[in-house]
Amino acid sequence: MRKGILLISKVALVSVFILTTSCSSDDDTETIIETVTIDSSLPNGTLVASRVGSFVAESGTPTAGTAELGTDDDSTSFIHFESDFTTELGTGTVGIFLSTSAVYTPDPANGNPDLMLIGNAAANGEKFIKLSAAPDAKYTHIILWCATANIPFGNAELN
């Protein structure tokens, strides 16, 4: 009986080997699979600006450039810093806030009703910031705030 089980096991093992090795194709066609990566932090299609502003430097920084608020083809809201954007980066990253004025006015006890942190500027040049929703109309400015030095680096009024 033991020899019978051993013989059946050997036959089963050989059968599995034959089945797994005989399923390969002999034709010369090659299947190419292309992976397309979509960066969801970038606008889809064209970004249509609804408000635009130029940065005004503050606290002796070289802040300059253009920022715009707009929507893409999927109606997703973005802040776009154009390629001419520059600021001081020596202290590390600079906080980017939507604000109700040109003055940084934190009020953490009341949930900072006049500010909305939307990102950080870690490099000069073009940058897109995807917003979770269209910002309230009360936000009229973008403020660049350096928390390390506790000073504004610049602001742009969005018109």
Protein backbone atom coordinates (compact mmCIF):
# COMPACT_ATOMS: atom_id res chain seq x y z
CA MET A 1 0.00 0.00 0.00
CA ARG A 2 2.83 2.31 0.86
CA LYS A 3 4.45 1.66 -2.55
CA GLY A 4 1.13 2.45 -4.24
CA ILE A 5 0.88 5.84 -2.53
CA LEU A 6 4.50 6.59 -3.39
CA LEU A 7 3.86 5.70 -7.06
CA ILE A 8 0.72 7.90 -7.19
CA SER A 9 2.69 10.77 -5.60
CA LYS A 10 5.45 10.45 -8.22
CA VAL A 11 2.95 10.38 -11.07
CA ALA A 12 1.16 13.45 -9.66
CA LEU A 13 4.47 15.33 -9.29
CA VAL A 14 5.52 14.53 -12.87
CA SER A 15 2.06 15.57 -14.16
CA VAL A 16 2.27 18.94 -12.39
CA PHE A 17 5.77 19.47 -13.81
CA ILE A 18 4.63 18.67 -17.35
CA LEU A 19 1.56 20.92 -17.06
CA THR A 20 3.50 23.90 -15.75
CA THR A 21 6.32 23.66 -18.28
CA SER A 22 4.20 22.94 -21.32
CA CYS A 23 2.02 26.07 -21.06
CA SER A 24 4.61 28.40 -22.56
CA SER A 25 3.97 29.92 -25.97
CA ASP A 26 6.31 29.25 -28.87
CA ASP A 27 5.27 32.24 -31.01
CA ASP A 28 7.54 35.28 -31.22
CA THR A 29 4.97 37.91 -30.23
CA GLU A 30 5.97 40.05 -27.31
CA THR A 31 3.51 41.62 -24.92
CA ILE A 32 4.45 45.12 -23.82
CA ILE A 33 2.68 46.62 -20.88
CA GLU A 34 3.04 50.37 -20.52
CA THR A 35 2.47 51.92 -17.14
CA VAL A 36 1.16 55.48 -17.18
CA THR A 37 1.55 57.40 -13.95
CA ILE A 38 -0.83 60.30 -13.41
CA ASP A 39 0.30 62.94 -10.95
CA SER A 40 -2.91 64.00 -9.18
CA SER A 41 -1.18 67.01 -7.66
CA LEU A 42 -1.10 68.62 -11.11
CA PRO A 43 -4.09 70.09 -12.94
CA ASN A 44 -5.89 67.88 -15.41
CA GLY A 45 -6.02 69.70 -18.74
CA THR A 46 -6.00 73.48 -18.70
CA LEU A 47 -5.85 75.56 -15.52
CA VAL A 48 -8.20 78.52 -15.87
CA ALA A 49 -7.24 81.35 -13.53
CA SER A 50 -10.04 83.14 -11.72
CA ARG A 51 -7.81 85.42 -9.62
CA VAL A 52 -4.17 86.47 -10.11
CA GLY A 53 -1.68 88.45 -8.02
CA SER A 54 1.96 89.51 -7.90
CA PHE A 55 4.06 88.94 -4.80
CA VAL A 56 5.26 91.91 -2.77
CA ALA A 57 8.49 91.25 -0.86
CA GLU A 58 8.56 91.76 2.90
CA SER A 59 11.21 91.64 5.65
CA GLY A 60 14.07 92.25 3.20
CA THR A 61 13.49 89.00 1.25
CA PRO A 62 13.80 88.68 -2.54
CA THR A 63 10.20 87.45 -2.84
CA ALA A 64 8.74 88.06 -6.31
CA GLY A 65 6.64 86.37 -8.93
CA THR A 66 3.05 85.62 -9.83
CA ALA A 67 0.43 83.43 -8.18
CA GLU A 68 -2.99 82.47 -9.42
CA LEU A 69 -6.07 80.70 -8.14
CA GLY A 70 -7.80 78.59 -10.74
CA THR A 71 -9.63 75.40 -11.67
CA ASP A 72 -8.71 72.60 -14.05
CA ASP A 73 -10.88 70.61 -16.48
CA ASP A 74 -12.21 68.51 -13.56
CA SER A 75 -13.25 71.67 -11.60
CA THR A 76 -10.50 71.00 -9.03
CA SER A 77 -9.09 74.16 -7.42
CA PHE A 78 -5.37 74.91 -7.48
CA ILE A 79 -2.96 77.63 -6.44
CA HIS A 80 -0.30 78.02 -9.11
CA PHE A 81 3.02 79.78 -8.56
CA GLU A 82 4.43 80.63 -11.97
CA SER A 83 8.02 79.90 -12.99
CA ASP A 84 9.09 83.44 -12.00
CA PHE A 85 8.32 82.76 -8.31
CA THR A 86 11.21 83.26 -5.89
CA THR A 87 11.57 83.78 -2.15
CA GLU A 88 14.14 83.37 0.61
CA LEU A 89 14.70 79.69 1.40
CA GLY A 90 17.67 79.95 3.78
CA THR A 91 15.58 79.25 6.88
CA GLY A 92 14.03 76.07 5.49
CA THR A 93 10.51 75.83 4.23
CA VAL A 94 8.16 78.77 4.08
CA GLY A 95 4.47 78.35 4.95
CA ILE A 96 1.93 79.28 2.29
CA PHE A 97 -1.36 80.62 3.60
CA LEU A 98 -4.56 81.91 2.11
CA SER A 99 -5.52 85.00 4.10
CA THR A 100 -8.27 87.56 4.42
CA SER A 101 -5.68 90.38 4.31
CA ALA A 102 -2.04 91.13 3.53
CA VAL A 103 -1.21 90.80 7.25
CA TYR A 104 -0.55 87.45 8.91
CA THR A 105 -3.10 87.36 11.75
CA PRO A 106 -3.04 84.07 13.63
CA ASP A 107 -5.88 83.39 16.05
CA PRO A 108 -5.44 79.76 17.13
CA ALA A 109 -7.89 80.11 20.03
CA ASN A 110 -10.66 80.63 17.47
CA GLY A 111 -9.41 78.24 14.78
CA ASN A 112 -7.52 80.84 12.72
CA PRO A 113 -10.61 82.12 10.87
CA ASP A 114 -8.54 84.53 8.74
CA LEU A 115 -5.85 82.04 7.64
CA MET A 116 -5.75 78.71 5.82
CA LEU A 117 -2.45 76.83 5.58
CA ILE A 118 -2.28 75.30 2.10
CA GLY A 119 1.33 74.17 1.77
CA ASN A 120 5.01 74.98 1.97
CA ALA A 121 7.46 76.59 -0.43
CA ALA A 122 10.52 74.38 -0.40
CA ALA A 123 11.88 75.57 -3.76
CA ASN A 124 11.70 78.54 -6.10
CA GLY A 125 10.00 78.27 -9.47
CA GLU A 126 6.72 76.82 -10.67
CA LYS A 127 4.55 75.06 -8.11
CA PHE A 128 0.99 73.73 -8.04
CA ILE A 129 -0.95 73.32 -4.81
CA LYS A 130 -4.08 71.21 -5.09
CA LEU A 131 -6.83 72.47 -2.80
CA SER A 132 -9.37 70.13 -1.21
CA ALA A 133 -12.18 72.51 -2.18
CA ALA A 134 -12.66 75.94 -3.71
CA PRO A 135 -11.58 78.47 -1.08
CA ASP A 136 -14.09 80.90 0.39
CA ALA A 137 -14.24 84.29 -1.32
CA LYS A 138 -13.08 85.88 1.95
CA TYR A 139 -9.52 84.73 1.17
CA THR A 140 -8.09 87.60 -0.85
CA HIS A 141 -4.34 87.12 -0.34
CA ILE A 142 -1.57 84.54 -0.34
CA ILE A 143 0.93 85.05 2.48
CA LEU A 144 4.40 83.52 2.69
CA TRP A 145 5.24 83.13 6.38
CA CYS A 146 8.53 82.00 7.88
CA ALA A 147 7.69 80.41 11.23
CA THR A 148 11.39 79.95 12.04
CA ALA A 149 12.04 83.70 12.00
CA ASN A 150 8.41 84.61 12.81
CA ILE A 151 8.24 87.10 9.92
CA PRO A 152 6.38 87.49 6.64
CA PHE A 153 8.38 86.88 3.48
CA GLY A 154 5.76 88.33 1.14
CA ASN A 155 2.17 88.43 0.03
CA ALA A 156 0.14 88.55 -3.14
CA GLU A 157 -3.31 90.10 -3.44
CA LEU A 158 -5.52 87.91 -5.63
CA ASN A 159 -7.70 89.99 -7.97
